[in-house]
Amino acid sequence: MRVLITGGSGFVGQRLCPQLIAQGHEVQVVSRTPHKVREKLPPECDIRDSAQAFIDTPPDALVNLAGESIAAKR
């Protein structure tokens, strides 16, 4: 199954990606900072920087882990 993960570079995403790959899934990650994500995720993850991932290779499943911390803004 092709799985697209938003927020894949976060705490949960960094743990989910390797698990999905180990189960035989094709994993794509959409990130605002793809150059930073490459260091955190397995090389098998296809890392994208835009919604073009939806158009190029539509996913079978989407996991939305994207978020923004508001703690620093308070």
N, C-alpha and C. Protein backbone atom coordinates (compact mmCIF):
# COMPACT_ATOMS: atom_id res chain seq x y z
N MET A 1 0.84 -1.16 0.00
CA MET A 1 0.00 0.00 0.00
C MET A 1 0.90 1.24 0.00
N ARG A 2 0.51 2.25 -0.73
CA ARG A 2 1.23 3.53 -0.77
C ARG A 2 0.64 4.45 0.30
N VAL A 3 1.48 4.84 1.26
CA VAL A 3 1.04 5.66 2.39
C VAL A 3 1.73 7.01 2.32
N LEU A 4 0.96 8.07 2.38
CA LEU A 4 1.49 9.43 2.41
C LEU A 4 1.35 9.96 3.83
N ILE A 5 2.46 10.46 4.37
CA ILE A 5 2.46 10.98 5.74
C ILE A 5 2.81 12.46 5.71
N THR A 6 1.95 13.28 6.29
CA THR A 6 2.28 14.68 6.52
C THR A 6 2.78 14.77 7.95
N GLY A 7 3.80 15.57 8.17
CA GLY A 7 4.38 15.66 9.50
C GLY A 7 5.24 14.47 9.85
N GLY A 8 5.81 13.86 8.85
CA GLY A 8 6.62 12.66 9.06
C GLY A 8 7.92 12.89 9.80
N SER A 9 8.35 14.13 9.91
CA SER A 9 9.62 14.40 10.59
C SER A 9 9.45 14.60 12.09
N GLY A 10 8.22 14.60 12.57
CA GLY A 10 7.96 14.79 13.99
C GLY A 10 8.20 13.53 14.80
N PHE A 11 7.93 13.62 16.09
CA PHE A 11 8.17 12.51 17.01
C PHE A 11 7.47 11.23 16.57
N VAL A 12 6.19 11.31 16.28
CA VAL A 12 5.42 10.13 15.88
C VAL A 12 5.82 9.67 14.48
N GLY A 13 5.95 10.61 13.56
CA GLY A 13 6.29 10.28 12.18
C GLY A 13 7.61 9.55 12.03
N GLN A 14 8.60 9.96 12.82
CA GLN A 14 9.91 9.31 12.76
C GLN A 14 9.85 7.86 13.20
N ARG A 15 8.88 7.52 14.00
CA ARG A 15 8.71 6.14 14.45
C ARG A 15 7.76 5.35 13.56
N LEU A 16 6.79 6.05 12.98
CA LEU A 16 5.82 5.38 12.12
C LEU A 16 6.43 4.97 10.78
N CYS A 17 7.22 5.83 10.17
CA CYS A 17 7.79 5.55 8.85
C CYS A 17 8.55 4.23 8.80
N PRO A 18 9.50 3.99 9.70
CA PRO A 18 10.22 2.71 9.65
C PRO A 18 9.31 1.50 9.87
N GLN A 19 8.29 1.65 10.70
CA GLN A 19 7.36 0.55 10.94
C GLN A 19 6.58 0.20 9.68
N LEU A 20 6.10 1.22 8.98
CA LEU A 20 5.35 0.98 7.75
C LEU A 20 6.24 0.34 6.68
N ILE A 21 7.47 0.81 6.57
CA ILE A 21 8.41 0.24 5.60
C ILE A 21 8.69 -1.22 5.94
N ALA A 22 8.87 -1.52 7.21
CA ALA A 22 9.14 -2.89 7.65
C ALA A 22 7.97 -3.82 7.32
N GLN A 23 6.77 -3.27 7.26
CA GLN A 23 5.58 -4.06 6.92
C GLN A 23 5.36 -4.15 5.42
N GLY A 24 6.27 -3.56 4.64
CA GLY A 24 6.20 -3.68 3.18
C GLY A 24 5.45 -2.56 2.48
N HIS A 25 5.12 -1.49 3.18
CA HIS A 25 4.41 -0.38 2.56
C HIS A 25 5.38 0.58 1.88
N GLU A 26 4.90 1.25 0.85
CA GLU A 26 5.65 2.32 0.19
C GLU A 26 5.27 3.61 0.90
N VAL A 27 6.27 4.32 1.43
CA VAL A 27 6.00 5.49 2.25
C VAL A 27 6.51 6.76 1.58
N GLN A 28 5.63 7.75 1.51
CA GLN A 28 5.99 9.09 1.05
C GLN A 28 5.76 10.04 2.21
N VAL A 29 6.66 11.02 2.35
CA VAL A 29 6.54 12.01 3.42
C VAL A 29 6.51 13.39 2.79
N VAL A 30 5.53 14.19 3.16
CA VAL A 30 5.46 15.58 2.73
C VAL A 30 5.95 16.43 3.90
N SER A 31 6.90 17.31 3.62
CA SER A 31 7.48 18.13 4.68
C SER A 31 7.75 19.53 4.19
N ARG A 32 7.66 20.49 5.11
CA ARG A 32 8.02 21.87 4.78
C ARG A 32 9.53 22.02 4.67
N THR A 33 10.27 21.14 5.30
CA THR A 33 11.73 21.21 5.30
C THR A 33 12.33 19.86 4.91
N PRO A 34 12.21 19.48 3.63
CA PRO A 34 12.68 18.15 3.22
C PRO A 34 14.17 17.94 3.44
N HIS A 35 14.97 18.99 3.37
CA HIS A 35 16.41 18.83 3.57
C HIS A 35 16.75 18.42 5.00
N LYS A 36 15.94 18.79 5.97
CA LYS A 36 16.17 18.41 7.36
C LYS A 36 15.62 17.01 7.65
N VAL A 37 14.56 16.65 6.96
CA VAL A 37 13.88 15.37 7.20
C VAL A 37 14.74 14.20 6.76
N ARG A 38 15.49 14.35 5.71
CA ARG A 38 16.29 13.25 5.16
C ARG A 38 17.21 12.63 6.20
N GLU A 39 17.68 13.42 7.15
CA GLU A 39 18.57 12.91 8.19
C GLU A 39 17.82 12.07 9.23
N LYS A 40 16.52 12.30 9.36
CA LYS A 40 15.73 11.69 10.42
C LYS A 40 15.00 10.42 10.01
N LEU A 41 14.80 10.22 8.71
CA LEU A 41 13.98 9.11 8.24
C LEU A 41 14.79 8.11 7.44
N PRO A 42 14.30 6.88 7.34
CA PRO A 42 15.02 5.87 6.56
C PRO A 42 15.13 6.29 5.09
N PRO A 43 16.18 5.86 4.41
CA PRO A 43 16.37 6.25 3.00
C PRO A 43 15.26 5.74 2.08
N GLU A 44 14.50 4.74 2.52
CA GLU A 44 13.41 4.21 1.70
C GLU A 44 12.23 5.17 1.61
N CYS A 45 12.16 6.13 2.51
CA CYS A 45 11.06 7.10 2.48
C CYS A 45 11.25 8.07 1.33
N ASP A 46 10.21 8.25 0.55
CA ASP A 46 10.20 9.22 -0.54
C ASP A 46 9.76 10.54 0.07
N ILE A 47 10.67 11.49 0.14
CA ILE A 47 10.39 12.76 0.82
C ILE A 47 10.07 13.84 -0.20
N ARG A 48 8.92 14.46 -0.03
CA ARG A 48 8.45 15.50 -0.95
C ARG A 48 8.32 16.82 -0.20
N ASP A 49 8.32 17.93 -0.95
CA ASP A 49 8.19 19.23 -0.31
C ASP A 49 6.91 19.95 -0.69
N SER A 50 5.97 19.26 -1.32
CA SER A 50 4.73 19.94 -1.73
C SER A 50 3.60 18.94 -1.93
N ALA A 51 2.45 19.48 -2.23
CA ALA A 51 1.28 18.66 -2.50
C ALA A 51 1.38 17.96 -3.84
N GLN A 52 2.43 18.20 -4.60
CA GLN A 52 2.62 17.53 -5.89
C GLN A 52 2.65 16.01 -5.70
N ALA A 53 2.98 15.56 -4.51
CA ALA A 53 3.00 14.13 -4.22
C ALA A 53 1.63 13.50 -4.46
N PHE A 54 0.56 14.24 -4.16
CA PHE A 54 -0.79 13.73 -4.40
C PHE A 54 -1.05 13.52 -5.88
N ILE A 55 -0.52 14.41 -6.69
CA ILE A 55 -0.76 14.37 -8.13
C ILE A 55 0.11 13.32 -8.81
N ASP A 56 1.39 13.30 -8.46
CA ASP A 56 2.34 12.38 -9.10
C ASP A 56 1.99 10.93 -8.84
N THR A 57 1.81 10.58 -7.60
CA THR A 57 1.52 9.20 -7.22
C THR A 57 0.49 9.22 -6.10
N PRO A 58 -0.79 9.18 -6.44
CA PRO A 58 -1.84 9.26 -5.43
C PRO A 58 -1.69 8.14 -4.38
N PRO A 59 -1.82 8.49 -3.10
CA PRO A 59 -1.66 7.48 -2.05
C PRO A 59 -2.91 6.63 -1.88
N ASP A 60 -2.71 5.44 -1.31
CA ASP A 60 -3.83 4.59 -0.92
C ASP A 60 -4.34 4.99 0.46
N ALA A 61 -3.44 5.56 1.26
CA ALA A 61 -3.80 5.99 2.61
C ALA A 61 -3.03 7.26 2.95
N LEU A 62 -3.63 8.08 3.80
CA LEU A 62 -3.02 9.33 4.24
C LEU A 62 -3.01 9.36 5.76
N VAL A 63 -1.83 9.66 6.33
CA VAL A 63 -1.71 9.82 7.77
C VAL A 63 -1.30 11.26 8.01
N ASN A 64 -2.17 12.03 8.67
CA ASN A 64 -1.89 13.44 8.92
C ASN A 64 -1.34 13.62 10.33
N LEU A 65 -0.03 13.84 10.39
CA LEU A 65 0.62 14.09 11.67
C LEU A 65 1.14 15.52 11.76
N ALA A 66 0.79 16.33 10.78
CA ALA A 66 1.28 17.71 10.73
C ALA A 66 0.69 18.53 11.86
N GLY A 67 1.49 19.39 12.38
CA GLY A 67 1.04 20.28 13.45
C GLY A 67 2.06 21.39 13.63
N GLU A 68 1.69 22.34 14.45
CA GLU A 68 2.60 23.44 14.74
C GLU A 68 2.52 23.72 16.23
N SER A 69 3.67 23.82 16.84
CA SER A 69 3.72 24.10 18.27
C SER A 69 3.33 25.54 18.54
N ILE A 70 2.47 25.73 19.52
CA ILE A 70 2.11 27.10 19.90
C ILE A 70 2.81 27.51 21.19
N ALA A 71 3.55 26.60 21.79
CA ALA A 71 4.20 26.88 23.07
C ALA A 71 5.17 28.05 22.97
N ALA A 72 5.94 28.12 21.90
CA ALA A 72 6.93 29.18 21.75
C ALA A 72 6.28 30.53 21.44
N LYS A 73 5.03 30.52 21.02
CA LYS A 73 4.34 31.75 20.64
C LYS A 73 3.61 32.40 21.81
N ARG A 74 3.61 31.75 22.94
CA ARG A 74 2.88 32.27 24.11
C ARG A 74 3.71 33.21 24.90
